[in-house]
Amino acid sequence: MQEFIREVKHNQKLKEDTYRERALKMYPWICGRCVREFTSKNLSELTVHHKDHNHDNNPLDGSNWELLCVYCHDNEHSRYEEMRFGSSHTLKTSAPVATHNPFAGLKDLLGKK
């Protein structure tokens, strides 16, 4: 049984590596929600999200994928689970969507002497 579980996990890792590598070549390294940019140093924090939540649906054109940072990806799955199973609490108001980028122009400010 241990060998079977090990083999399933190995095969799943191979599959994930395959679509992850394709998605990273296909799309810019930017979170699709918070627009955070990634480099090779922090790329492990960028995940491939399956839009239809079906990890077996991996079309070659990448139409079922979007790149999300680990925080936005976790949030997306939490919202999906609440939608599927309901929530133990009801939200009275929804928070407004943030449009301000507090770090806009930071690079220019850091470059000044």
PDB file of N, CA and C in Angstrom:
ATOM      1  N   MET A   1       0.827  -1.198   0.000  1.00  0.00           N
ATOM      2  CA  MET A   1       0.000   0.000   0.000  1.00  0.00           C
ATOM      3  C   MET A   1       0.875   1.267   0.000  1.00  0.00           C
ATOM      4  N   GLN A   2       1.949   1.255   0.801  1.00  0.00           N
ATOM      5  CA  GLN A   2       2.865   2.398   0.858  1.00  0.00           C
ATOM      6  C   GLN A   2       3.462   2.683  -0.519  1.00  0.00           C
ATOM      7  N   GLU A   3       3.818   1.633  -1.222  1.00  0.00           N
ATOM      8  CA  GLU A   3       4.410   1.785  -2.550  1.00  0.00           C
ATOM      9  C   GLU A   3       3.406   2.416  -3.518  1.00  0.00           C
ATOM     10  N   PHE A   4       2.157   2.000  -3.440  1.00  0.00           N
ATOM     11  CA  PHE A   4       1.105   2.548  -4.289  1.00  0.00           C
ATOM     12  C   PHE A   4       0.927   4.043  -4.025  1.00  0.00           C
ATOM     13  N   ILE A   5       0.865   4.420  -2.766  1.00  0.00           N
ATOM     14  CA  ILE A   5       0.703   5.832  -2.404  1.00  0.00           C
ATOM     15  C   ILE A   5       1.893   6.646  -2.887  1.00  0.00           C
ATOM     16  N   ARG A   6       3.086   6.111  -2.711  1.00  0.00           N
ATOM     17  CA  ARG A   6       4.302   6.789  -3.162  1.00  0.00           C
ATOM     18  C   ARG A   6       4.261   6.991  -4.682  1.00  0.00           C
ATOM     19  N   GLU A   7       3.815   5.979  -5.414  1.00  0.00           N
ATOM     20  CA  GLU A   7       3.747   6.075  -6.872  1.00  0.00           C
ATOM     21  C   GLU A   7       2.700   7.097  -7.315  1.00  0.00           C
ATOM     22  N   VAL A   8       1.547   7.119  -6.660  1.00  0.00           N
ATOM     23  CA  VAL A   8       0.503   8.095  -6.996  1.00  0.00           C
ATOM     24  C   VAL A   8       1.013   9.514  -6.763  1.00  0.00           C
ATOM     25  N   LYS A   9       1.670   9.747  -5.627  1.00  0.00           N
ATOM     26  CA  LYS A   9       2.215  11.075  -5.327  1.00  0.00           C
ATOM     27  C   LYS A   9       3.285  11.469  -6.341  1.00  0.00           C
ATOM     28  N   HIS A  10       4.110  10.516  -6.717  1.00  0.00           N
ATOM     29  CA  HIS A  10       5.160  10.785  -7.710  1.00  0.00           C
ATOM     30  C   HIS A  10       4.547  11.166  -9.053  1.00  0.00           C
ATOM     31  N   ASN A  11       3.545  10.405  -9.486  1.00  0.00           N
ATOM     32  CA  ASN A  11       2.884  10.696 -10.767  1.00  0.00           C
ATOM     33  C   ASN A  11       2.173  12.050 -10.738  1.00  0.00           C
ATOM     34  N   GLN A  12       1.568  12.379  -9.610  1.00  0.00           N
ATOM     35  CA  GLN A  12       0.902  13.670  -9.475  1.00  0.00           C
ATOM     36  C   GLN A  12       1.932  14.796  -9.562  1.00  0.00           C
ATOM     37  N   LYS A  13       3.072  14.626  -8.919  1.00  0.00           N
ATOM     38  CA  LYS A  13       4.139  15.641  -8.965  1.00  0.00           C
ATOM     39  C   LYS A  13       4.641  15.833 -10.394  1.00  0.00           C
ATOM     40  N   LEU A  14       4.809  14.742 -11.134  1.00  0.00           N
ATOM     41  CA  LEU A  14       5.244  14.844 -12.532  1.00  0.00           C
ATOM     42  C   LEU A  14       4.233  15.617 -13.367  1.00  0.00           C
ATOM     43  N   LYS A  15       2.944  15.319 -13.157  1.00  0.00           N
ATOM     44  CA  LYS A  15       1.893  16.003 -13.899  1.00  0.00           C
ATOM     45  C   LYS A  15       1.873  17.491 -13.556  1.00  0.00           C
ATOM     46  N   GLU A  16       1.966  17.806 -12.271  1.00  0.00           N
ATOM     47  CA  GLU A  16       1.962  19.203 -11.853  1.00  0.00           C
ATOM     48  C   GLU A  16       3.163  19.950 -12.415  1.00  0.00           C
ATOM     49  N   ASP A  17       4.324  19.329 -12.366  1.00  0.00           N
ATOM     50  CA  ASP A  17       5.515  19.975 -12.905  1.00  0.00           C
ATOM     51  C   ASP A  17       5.344  20.266 -14.383  1.00  0.00           C
ATOM     52  N   THR A  18       4.700  19.365 -15.090  1.00  0.00           N
ATOM     53  CA  THR A  18       4.510  19.533 -16.524  1.00  0.00           C
ATOM     54  C   THR A  18       3.618  20.741 -16.822  1.00  0.00           C
ATOM     55  N   TYR A  19       2.426  20.809 -16.222  1.00  0.00           N
ATOM     56  CA  TYR A  19       1.547  21.939 -16.552  1.00  0.00           C
ATOM     57  C   TYR A  19       2.068  23.225 -15.919  1.00  0.00           C
ATOM     58  N   ARG A  20       2.742  23.130 -14.788  1.00  0.00           N
ATOM     59  CA  ARG A  20       3.323  24.334 -14.189  1.00  0.00           C
ATOM     60  C   ARG A  20       4.389  24.925 -15.098  1.00  0.00           C
ATOM     61  N   GLU A  21       5.262  24.083 -15.595  1.00  0.00           N
ATOM     62  CA  GLU A  21       6.311  24.571 -16.497  1.00  0.00           C
ATOM     63  C   GLU A  21       5.705  25.189 -17.757  1.00  0.00           C
ATOM     64  N   ARG A  22       4.676  24.561 -18.297  1.00  0.00           N
ATOM     65  CA  ARG A  22       4.025  25.128 -19.493  1.00  0.00           C
ATOM     66  C   ARG A  22       3.392  26.470 -19.175  1.00  0.00           C
ATOM     67  N   ALA A  23       2.698  26.556 -18.037  1.00  0.00           N
ATOM     68  CA  ALA A  23       2.035  27.809 -17.672  1.00  0.00           C
ATOM     69  C   ALA A  23       3.051  28.928 -17.443  1.00  0.00           C
ATOM     70  N   LEU A  24       4.177  28.599 -16.814  1.00  0.00           N
ATOM     71  CA  LEU A  24       5.192  29.619 -16.548  1.00  0.00           C
ATOM     72  C   LEU A  24       5.866  30.106 -17.829  1.00  0.00           C
ATOM     73  N   LYS A  25       5.911  29.249 -18.841  1.00  0.00           N
ATOM     74  CA  LYS A  25       6.456  29.675 -20.134  1.00  0.00           C
ATOM     75  C   LYS A  25       5.433  30.486 -20.924  1.00  0.00           C
ATOM     76  N   MET A  26       4.167  30.205 -20.694  1.00  0.00           N
ATOM     77  CA  MET A  26       3.080  30.798 -21.458  1.00  0.00           C
ATOM     78  C   MET A  26       2.677  32.191 -20.968  1.00  0.00           C
ATOM     79  N   TYR A  27       2.677  32.373 -19.664  1.00  0.00           N
ATOM     80  CA  TYR A  27       2.147  33.597 -19.064  1.00  0.00           C
ATOM     81  C   TYR A  27       3.248  34.397 -18.375  1.00  0.00           C
ATOM     82  N   PRO A  28       3.054  35.723 -18.284  1.00  0.00           N
ATOM     83  CA  PRO A  28       4.024  36.526 -17.530  1.00  0.00           C
ATOM     84  C   PRO A  28       3.957  36.151 -16.047  1.00  0.00           C
ATOM     85  N   TRP A  29       5.049  36.309 -15.357  1.00  0.00           N
ATOM     86  CA  TRP A  29       5.135  35.913 -13.950  1.00  0.00           C
ATOM     87  C   TRP A  29       4.524  36.987 -13.055  1.00  0.00           C
ATOM     88  N   ILE A  30       3.210  37.127 -13.171  1.00  0.00           N
ATOM     89  CA  ILE A  30       2.453  38.133 -12.429  1.00  0.00           C
ATOM     90  C   ILE A  30       1.190  37.465 -11.891  1.00  0.00           C
ATOM     91  N   CYS A  31       0.857  37.735 -10.634  1.00  0.00           N
ATOM     92  CA  CYS A  31      -0.377  37.189 -10.058  1.00  0.00           C
ATOM     93  C   CYS A  31      -1.572  37.802 -10.784  1.00  0.00           C
ATOM     94  N   GLY A  32      -2.476  36.957 -11.193  1.00  0.00           N
ATOM     95  CA  GLY A  32      -3.664  37.397 -11.918  1.00  0.00           C
ATOM     96  C   GLY A  32      -4.654  38.172 -11.070  1.00  0.00           C
ATOM     97  N   ARG A  33      -4.490  38.198  -9.757  1.00  0.00           N
ATOM     98  CA  ARG A  33      -5.411  38.918  -8.882  1.00  0.00           C
ATOM     99  C   ARG A  33      -4.784  40.179  -8.311  1.00  0.00           C
ATOM    100  N   CYS A  34      -3.676  40.035  -7.585  1.00  0.00           N
ATOM    101  CA  CYS A  34      -3.082  41.198  -6.904  1.00  0.00           C
ATOM    102  C   CYS A  34      -2.011  41.881  -7.745  1.00  0.00           C
ATOM    103  N   VAL A  35      -1.678  41.325  -8.893  1.00  0.00           N
ATOM    104  CA  VAL A  35      -0.741  41.878  -9.859  1.00  0.00           C
ATOM    105  C   VAL A  35       0.693  41.976  -9.299  1.00  0.00           C
ATOM    106  N   ARG A  36       0.997  41.169  -8.317  1.00  0.00           N
ATOM    107  CA  ARG A  36       2.361  41.113  -7.794  1.00  0.00           C
ATOM    108  C   ARG A  36       3.252  40.462  -8.837  1.00  0.00           C
ATOM    109  N   GLU A  37       4.433  41.026  -9.043  1.00  0.00           N
ATOM    110  CA  GLU A  37       5.369  40.489 -10.026  1.00  0.00           C
ATOM    111  C   GLU A  37       6.356  39.546  -9.346  1.00  0.00           C
ATOM    112  N   PHE A  38       6.796  38.526 -10.083  1.00  0.00           N
ATOM    113  CA  PHE A  38       7.691  37.518  -9.548  1.00  0.00           C
ATOM    114  C   PHE A  38       8.958  37.413 -10.380  1.00  0.00           C
ATOM    115  N   THR A  39      10.028  36.991  -9.716  1.00  0.00           N
ATOM    116  CA  THR A  39      11.303  36.744 -10.377  1.00  0.00           C
ATOM    117  C   THR A  39      11.690  35.294 -10.094  1.00  0.00           C
ATOM    118  N   SER A  40      12.807  34.876 -10.630  1.00  0.00           N
ATOM    119  CA  SER A  40      13.245  33.505 -10.380  1.00  0.00           C
ATOM    120  C   SER A  40      13.525  33.267  -8.893  1.00  0.00           C
ATOM    121  N   LYS A  41      13.790  34.322  -8.125  1.00  0.00           N
ATOM    122  CA  LYS A  41      14.076  34.172  -6.696  1.00  0.00           C
ATOM    123  C   LYS A  41      12.838  33.820  -5.871  1.00  0.00           C
ATOM    124  N   ASN A  42      11.676  34.327  -6.269  1.00  0.00           N
ATOM    125  CA  ASN A  42      10.459  34.058  -5.490  1.00  0.00           C
ATOM    126  C   ASN A  42       9.392  33.333  -6.310  1.00  0.00           C
ATOM    127  N   LEU A  43       9.794  32.724  -7.387  1.00  0.00           N
ATOM    128  CA  LEU A  43       8.845  32.060  -8.289  1.00  0.00           C
ATOM    129  C   LEU A  43       8.091  30.918  -7.612  1.00  0.00           C
ATOM    130  N   SER A  44       8.657  30.343  -6.569  1.00  0.00           N
ATOM    131  CA  SER A  44       7.972  29.249  -5.875  1.00  0.00           C
ATOM    132  C   SER A  44       6.679  29.726  -5.215  1.00  0.00           C
ATOM    133  N   GLU A  45       6.508  31.039  -5.049  1.00  0.00           N
ATOM    134  CA  GLU A  45       5.295  31.596  -4.455  1.00  0.00           C
ATOM    135  C   GLU A  45       4.193  31.843  -5.490  1.00  0.00           C
ATOM    136  N   LEU A  46       4.460  31.533  -6.745  1.00  0.00           N
ATOM    137  CA  LEU A  46       3.470  31.704  -7.808  1.00  0.00           C
ATOM    138  C   LEU A  46       2.924  30.330  -8.173  1.00  0.00           C
ATOM    139  N   THR A  47       1.610  30.180  -8.116  1.00  0.00           N
ATOM    140  CA  THR A  47       0.980  28.881  -8.350  1.00  0.00           C
ATOM    141  C   THR A  47       0.152  28.903  -9.627  1.00  0.00           C
ATOM    142  N   VAL A  48      -0.133  27.721 -10.133  1.00  0.00           N
ATOM    143  CA  VAL A  48      -1.027  27.578 -11.275  1.00  0.00           C
ATOM    144  C   VAL A  48      -2.404  27.211 -10.729  1.00  0.00           C
ATOM    145  N   HIS A  49      -3.369  28.086 -10.961  1.00  0.00           N
ATOM    146  CA  HIS A  49      -4.740  27.844 -10.508  1.00  0.00           C
ATOM    147  C   HIS A  49      -5.571  27.323 -11.673  1.00  0.00           C
ATOM    148  N   HIS A  50      -6.333  26.269 -11.432  1.00  0.00           N
ATOM    149  CA  HIS A  50      -7.257  25.740 -12.441  1.00  0.00           C
ATOM    150  C   HIS A  50      -8.584  26.479 -12.294  1.00  0.00           C
ATOM    151  N   LYS A  51      -8.947  27.219 -13.302  1.00  0.00           N
ATOM    152  CA  LYS A  51     -10.140  28.057 -13.244  1.00  0.00           C
ATOM    153  C   LYS A  51     -11.401  27.262 -12.933  1.00  0.00           C
ATOM    154  N   ASP A  52     -11.494  26.031 -13.472  1.00  0.00           N
ATOM    155  CA  ASP A  52     -12.681  25.216 -13.219  1.00  0.00           C
ATOM    156  C   ASP A  52     -12.496  24.286 -12.016  1.00  0.00           C
ATOM    157  N   HIS A  53     -11.378  24.436 -11.298  1.00  0.00           N
ATOM    158  CA  HIS A  53     -11.046  23.654 -10.100  1.00  0.00           C
ATOM    159  C   HIS A  53     -10.864  22.169 -10.400  1.00  0.00           C
ATOM    160  N   ASN A  54     -10.656  21.815 -11.652  1.00  0.00           N
ATOM    161  CA  ASN A  54     -10.424  20.426 -12.052  1.00  0.00           C
ATOM    162  C   ASN A  54      -8.961  20.294 -12.451  1.00  0.00           C
ATOM    163  N   HIS A  55      -8.164  19.680 -11.586  1.00  0.00           N
ATOM    164  CA  HIS A  55      -6.723  19.576 -11.834  1.00  0.00           C
ATOM    165  C   HIS A  55      -6.371  18.610 -12.952  1.00  0.00           C
ATOM    166  N   ASP A  56      -7.351  17.868 -13.427  1.00  0.00           N
ATOM    167  CA  ASP A  56      -7.112  16.977 -14.566  1.00  0.00           C
ATOM    168  C   ASP A  56      -7.402  17.654 -15.897  1.00  0.00           C
ATOM    169  N   ASN A  57      -7.995  18.845 -15.857  1.00  0.00           N
ATOM    170  CA  ASN A  57      -8.328  19.585 -17.071  1.00  0.00           C
ATOM    171  C   ASN A  57      -7.158  20.519 -17.399  1.00  0.00           C
ATOM    172  N   ASN A  58      -6.245  20.037 -18.233  1.00  0.00           N
ATOM    173  CA  ASN A  58      -5.030  20.774 -18.581  1.00  0.00           C
ATOM    174  C   ASN A  58      -4.873  20.908 -20.093  1.00  0.00           C
ATOM    175  N   PRO A  59      -5.722  21.722 -20.734  1.00  0.00           N
ATOM    176  CA  PRO A  59      -5.593  21.893 -22.182  1.00  0.00           C
ATOM    177  C   PRO A  59      -4.250  22.507 -22.554  1.00  0.00           C
ATOM    178  N   LEU A  60      -3.733  22.097 -23.690  1.00  0.00           N
ATOM    179  CA  LEU A  60      -2.410  22.566 -24.121  1.00  0.00           C
ATOM    180  C   LEU A  60      -2.337  24.079 -24.302  1.00  0.00           C
ATOM    181  N   ASP A  61      -3.476  24.710 -24.595  1.00  0.00           N
ATOM    182  CA  ASP A  61      -3.461  26.164 -24.792  1.00  0.00           C
ATOM    183  C   ASP A  61      -3.490  26.938 -23.469  1.00  0.00           C
ATOM    184  N   GLY A  62      -3.578  26.237 -22.333  1.00  0.00           N
ATOM    185  CA  GLY A  62      -3.559  26.885 -21.027  1.00  0.00           C
ATOM    186  C   GLY A  62      -4.823  27.634 -20.670  1.00  0.00           C
ATOM    187  N   SER A  63      -5.910  27.395 -21.383  1.00  0.00           N
ATOM    188  CA  SER A  63      -7.134  28.160 -21.174  1.00  0.00           C
ATOM    189  C   SER A  63      -7.799  27.898 -19.824  1.00  0.00           C
ATOM    190  N   ASN A  64      -7.412  26.851 -19.115  1.00  0.00           N
ATOM    191  CA  ASN A  64      -7.992  26.573 -17.810  1.00  0.00           C
ATOM    192  C   ASN A  64      -7.081  27.017 -16.665  1.00  0.00           C
ATOM    193  N   TRP A  65      -6.012  27.710 -16.977  1.00  0.00           N
ATOM    194  CA  TRP A  65      -5.043  28.105 -15.957  1.00  0.00           C
ATOM    195  C   TRP A  65      -4.977  29.607 -15.798  1.00  0.00           C
ATOM    196  N   GLU A  66      -4.604  29.997 -14.602  1.00  0.00           N
ATOM    197  CA  GLU A  66      -4.175  31.368 -14.351  1.00  0.00           C
ATOM    198  C   GLU A  66      -3.124  31.300 -13.260  1.00  0.00           C
ATOM    199  N   LEU A  67      -2.168  32.185 -13.318  1.00  0.00           N
ATOM    200  CA  LEU A  67      -1.124  32.231 -12.312  1.00  0.00           C
ATOM    201  C   LEU A  67      -1.583  33.120 -11.167  1.00  0.00           C
ATOM    202  N   LEU A  68      -1.522  32.570  -9.951  1.00  0.00           N
ATOM    203  CA  LEU A  68      -1.901  33.306  -8.753  1.00  0.00           C
ATOM    204  C   LEU A  68      -0.815  33.130  -7.698  1.00  0.00           C
ATOM    205  N   CYS A  69      -0.567  34.184  -6.927  1.00  0.00           N
ATOM    206  CA  CYS A  69       0.369  34.031  -5.814  1.00  0.00           C
ATOM    207  C   CYS A  69      -0.276  33.099  -4.785  1.00  0.00           C
ATOM    208  N   VAL A  70       0.527  32.579  -3.885  1.00  0.00           N
ATOM    209  CA  VAL A  70       0.003  31.607  -2.922  1.00  0.00           C
ATOM    210  C   VAL A  70      -1.127  32.192  -2.081  1.00  0.00           C
ATOM    211  N   TYR A  71      -1.084  33.494  -1.796  1.00  0.00           N
ATOM    212  CA  TYR A  71      -2.113  34.116  -0.976  1.00  0.00           C
ATOM    213  C   TYR A  71      -3.435  34.237  -1.730  1.00  0.00           C
ATOM    214  N   CYS A  72      -3.371  34.717  -2.963  1.00  0.00           N
ATOM    215  CA  CYS A  72      -4.589  34.838  -3.772  1.00  0.00           C
ATOM    216  C   CYS A  72      -5.150  33.455  -4.123  1.00  0.00           C
ATOM    217  N   HIS A  73      -4.260  32.487  -4.332  1.00  0.00           N
ATOM    218  CA  HIS A  73      -4.699  31.125  -4.646  1.00  0.00           C
ATOM    219  C   HIS A  73      -5.445  30.531  -3.453  1.00  0.00           C
ATOM    220  N   ASP A  74      -4.909  30.726  -2.266  1.00  0.00           N
ATOM    221  CA  ASP A  74      -5.573  30.236  -1.056  1.00  0.00           C
ATOM    222  C   ASP A  74      -6.925  30.919  -0.887  1.00  0.00           C
ATOM    223  N   ASN A  75      -6.972  32.222  -1.120  1.00  0.00           N
ATOM    224  CA  ASN A  75      -8.221  32.965  -1.017  1.00  0.00           C
ATOM    225  C   ASN A  75      -9.247  32.461  -2.022  1.00  0.00           C
ATOM    226  N   GLU A  76      -8.818  32.203  -3.250  1.00  0.00           N
ATOM    227  CA  GLU A  76      -9.726  31.707  -4.294  1.00  0.00           C
ATOM    228  C   GLU A  76     -10.329  30.369  -3.885  1.00  0.00           C
ATOM    229  N   HIS A  77      -9.516  29.477  -3.352  1.00  0.00           N
ATOM    230  CA  HIS A  77     -10.041  28.171  -2.945  1.00  0.00           C
ATOM    231  C   HIS A  77     -10.945  28.285  -1.724  1.00  0.00           C
ATOM    232  N   SER A  78     -10.662  29.194  -0.830  1.00  0.00           N
ATOM    233  CA  SER A  78     -11.539  29.416   0.323  1.00  0.00           C
ATOM    234  C   SER A  78     -12.904  29.908  -0.138  1.00  0.00           C
ATOM    235  N   ARG A  79     -12.896  30.863  -1.063  1.00  0.00           N
ATOM    236  CA  ARG A  79     -14.169  31.378  -1.597  1.00  0.00           C
ATOM    237  C   ARG A  79     -14.935  30.286  -2.317  1.00  0.00           C
ATOM    238  N   TYR A  80     -14.224  29.440  -3.061  1.00  0.00           N
ATOM    239  CA  TYR A  80     -14.868  28.343  -3.789  1.00  0.00           C
ATOM    240  C   TYR A  80     -15.505  27.355  -2.815  1.00  0.00           C
ATOM    241  N   GLU A  81     -14.797  27.024  -1.744  1.00  0.00           N
ATOM    242  CA  GLU A  81     -15.338  26.091  -0.753  1.00  0.00           C
ATOM    243  C   GLU A  81     -16.556  26.687  -0.053  1.00  0.00           C
ATOM    244  N   GLU A  82     -16.516  27.978   0.252  1.00  0.00           N
ATOM    245  CA  GLU A  82     -17.682  28.632   0.853  1.00  0.00           C
ATOM    246  C   GLU A  82     -18.872  28.595  -0.087  1.00  0.00           C
ATOM    247  N   MET A  83     -18.616  28.789  -1.377  1.00  0.00           N
ATOM    248  CA  MET A  83     -19.689  28.749  -2.360  1.00  0.00           C
ATOM    249  C   MET A  83     -20.294  27.345  -2.431  1.00  0.00           C
ATOM    250  N   ARG A  84     -19.427  26.330  -2.433  1.00  0.00           N
ATOM    251  CA  ARG A  84     -19.900  24.951  -2.544  1.00  0.00           C
ATOM    252  C   ARG A  84     -20.636  24.475  -1.302  1.00  0.00           C
ATOM    253  N   PHE A  85     -20.087  24.769  -0.143  1.00  0.00           N
ATOM    254  CA  PHE A  85     -20.618  24.193   1.086  1.00  0.00           C
ATOM    255  C   PHE A  85     -21.291  25.193   2.002  1.00  0.00           C
ATOM    256  N   GLY A  86     -21.292  26.426   1.623  1.00  0.00           N
ATOM    257  CA  GLY A  86     -21.879  27.458   2.458  1.00  0.00           C
ATOM    258  C   GLY A  86     -20.912  27.901   3.530  1.00  0.00           C
ATOM    259  N   SER A  87     -21.269  28.923   4.204  1.00  0.00           N
ATOM    260  CA  SER A  87     -20.413  29.475   5.245  1.00  0.00           C
ATOM    261  C   SER A  87     -21.165  29.441   6.560  1.00  0.00           C
ATOM    262  N   SER A  88     -20.448  29.282   7.649  1.00  0.00           N
ATOM    263  CA  SER A  88     -21.086  29.262   8.964  1.00  0.00           C
ATOM    264  C   SER A  88     -21.497  30.665   9.399  1.00  0.00           C
ATOM    265  N   HIS A  89     -20.999  31.652   8.691  1.00  0.00           N
ATOM    266  CA  HIS A  89     -21.379  33.032   8.991  1.00  0.00           C
ATOM    267  C   HIS A  89     -21.748  33.716   7.682  1.00  0.00           C
ATOM    268  N   THR A  90     -22.572  34.716   7.784  1.00  0.00           N
ATOM    269  CA  THR A  90     -22.957  35.457   6.582  1.00  0.00           C
ATOM    270  C   THR A  90     -22.246  36.798   6.585  1.00  0.00           C
ATOM    271  N   LEU A  91     -21.785  37.177   5.432  1.00  0.00           N
ATOM    272  CA  LEU A  91     -21.116  38.458   5.293  1.00  0.00           C
ATOM    273  C   LEU A  91     -22.168  39.544   5.112  1.00  0.00           C
ATOM    274  N   LYS A  92     -22.100  40.582   5.918  1.00  0.00           N
ATOM    275  CA  LYS A  92     -23.085  41.653   5.835  1.00  0.00           C
ATOM    276  C   LYS A  92     -22.777  42.625   4.710  1.00  0.00           C
ATOM    277  N   THR A  93     -21.492  42.909   4.530  1.00  0.00           N
ATOM    278  CA  THR A  93     -21.087  43.800   3.448  1.00  0.00           C
ATOM    279  C   THR A  93     -19.856  43.216   2.783  1.00  0.00           C
ATOM    280  N   SER A  94     -19.699  43.526   1.533  1.00  0.00           N
ATOM    281  CA  SER A  94     -18.481  43.094   0.857  1.00  0.00           C
ATOM    282  C   SER A  94     -17.522  44.278   0.815  1.00  0.00           C
ATOM    283  N   ALA A  95     -16.279  43.987   1.036  1.00  0.00           N
ATOM    284  CA  ALA A  95     -15.266  45.031   1.050  1.00  0.00           C
ATOM    285  C   ALA A  95     -15.054  45.571  -0.357  1.00  0.00           C
ATOM    286  N   PRO A  96     -14.771  46.857  -0.477  1.00  0.00           N
ATOM    287  CA  PRO A  96     -14.504  47.413  -1.805  1.00  0.00           C
ATOM    288  C   PRO A  96     -13.191  46.850  -2.354  1.00  0.00           C
ATOM    289  N   VAL A  97     -13.106  46.788  -3.640  1.00  0.00           N
ATOM    290  CA  VAL A  97     -11.905  46.292  -4.290  1.00  0.00           C
ATOM    291  C   VAL A  97     -10.848  47.386  -4.282  1.00  0.00           C
ATOM    292  N   ALA A  98      -9.651  47.022  -3.865  1.00  0.00           N
ATOM    293  CA  ALA A  98      -8.559  47.997  -3.820  1.00  0.00           C
ATOM    294  C   ALA A  98      -8.074  48.303  -5.231  1.00  0.00           C
ATOM    295  N   THR A  99      -7.932  49.576  -5.535  1.00  0.00           N
ATOM    296  CA  THR A  99      -7.420  49.976  -6.844  1.00  0.00           C
ATOM    297  C   THR A  99      -6.125  50.765  -6.715  1.00  0.00           C
ATOM    298  N   HIS A 100      -5.782  51.164  -5.489  1.00  0.00           N
ATOM    299  CA  HIS A 100      -4.580  51.958  -5.251  1.00  0.00           C
ATOM    300  C   HIS A 100      -3.375  51.038  -5.123  1.00  0.00           C
ATOM    301  N   ASN A 101      -2.273  51.395  -5.754  1.00  0.00           N
ATOM    302  CA  ASN A 101      -1.028  50.641  -5.617  1.00  0.00           C
ATOM    303  C   ASN A 101      -0.085  51.474  -4.754  1.00  0.00           C
ATOM    304  N   PRO A 102       0.073  51.102  -3.471  1.00  0.00           N
ATOM    305  CA  PRO A 102       0.902  51.913  -2.580  1.00  0.00           C
ATOM    306  C   PRO A 102       2.379  51.912  -2.956  1.00  0.00           C
ATOM    307  N   PHE A 103       2.805  50.984  -3.799  1.00  0.00           N
ATOM    308  CA  PHE A 103       4.209  50.888  -4.173  1.00  0.00           C
ATOM    309  C   PHE A 103       4.500  51.502  -5.542  1.00  0.00           C
ATOM    310  N   ALA A 104       3.501  52.109  -6.146  1.00  0.00           N
ATOM    311  CA  ALA A 104       3.726  52.768  -7.440  1.00  0.00           C
ATOM    312  C   ALA A 104       4.760  53.879  -7.233  1.00  0.00           C
ATOM    313  N   GLY A 105       5.767  53.893  -8.043  1.00  0.00           N
ATOM    314  CA  GLY A 105       6.796  54.904  -7.969  1.00  0.00           C
ATOM    315  C   GLY A 105       7.873  54.645  -6.930  1.00  0.00           C
ATOM    316  N   LEU A 106       7.779  53.537  -6.198  1.00  0.00           N
ATOM    317  CA  LEU A 106       8.769  53.235  -5.158  1.00  0.00           C
ATOM    318  C   LEU A 106      10.161  53.051  -5.748  1.00  0.00           C
ATOM    319  N   LYS A 107      10.245  52.413  -6.885  1.00  0.00           N
ATOM    320  CA  LYS A 107      11.543  52.193  -7.507  1.00  0.00           C
ATOM    321  C   LYS A 107      12.236  53.530  -7.830  1.00  0.00           C
ATOM    322  N   ASP A 108      11.454  54.485  -8.324  1.00  0.00           N
ATOM    323  CA  ASP A 108      12.016  55.800  -8.609  1.00  0.00           C
ATOM    324  C   ASP A 108      12.488  56.499  -7.358  1.00  0.00           C
ATOM    325  N   LEU A 109      11.714  56.385  -6.265  1.00  0.00           N
ATOM    326  CA  LEU A 109      12.093  57.016  -5.010  1.00  0.00           C
ATOM    327  C   LEU A 109      13.359  56.400  -4.435  1.00  0.00           C
ATOM    328  N   LEU A 110      13.500  55.075  -4.541  1.00  0.00           N
ATOM    329  CA  LEU A 110      14.682  54.408  -4.020  1.00  0.00           C
ATOM    330  C   LEU A 110      15.915  54.727  -4.836  1.00  0.00           C
ATOM    331  N   GLY A 111      15.726  55.053  -6.105  1.00  0.00           N
ATOM    332  CA  GLY A 111      16.853  55.355  -6.992  1.00  0.00           C
ATOM    333  C   GLY A 111      17.390  56.767  -6.829  1.00  0.00           C
ATOM    334  N   LYS A 112      16.629  57.677  -6.184  1.00  0.00           N
ATOM    335  CA  LYS A 112      17.071  59.065  -6.019  1.00  0.00           C
ATOM    336  C   LYS A 112      18.153  59.153  -4.941  1.00  0.00           C
ATOM    337  N   LYS A 113      19.084  60.089  -5.173  1.00  0.00           N
ATOM    338  CA  LYS A 113      20.173  60.289  -4.199  1.00  0.00           C
ATOM    339  C   LYS A 113      20.189  61.703  -3.712  1.00  0.00           C
TER     340      LYS A 113
END
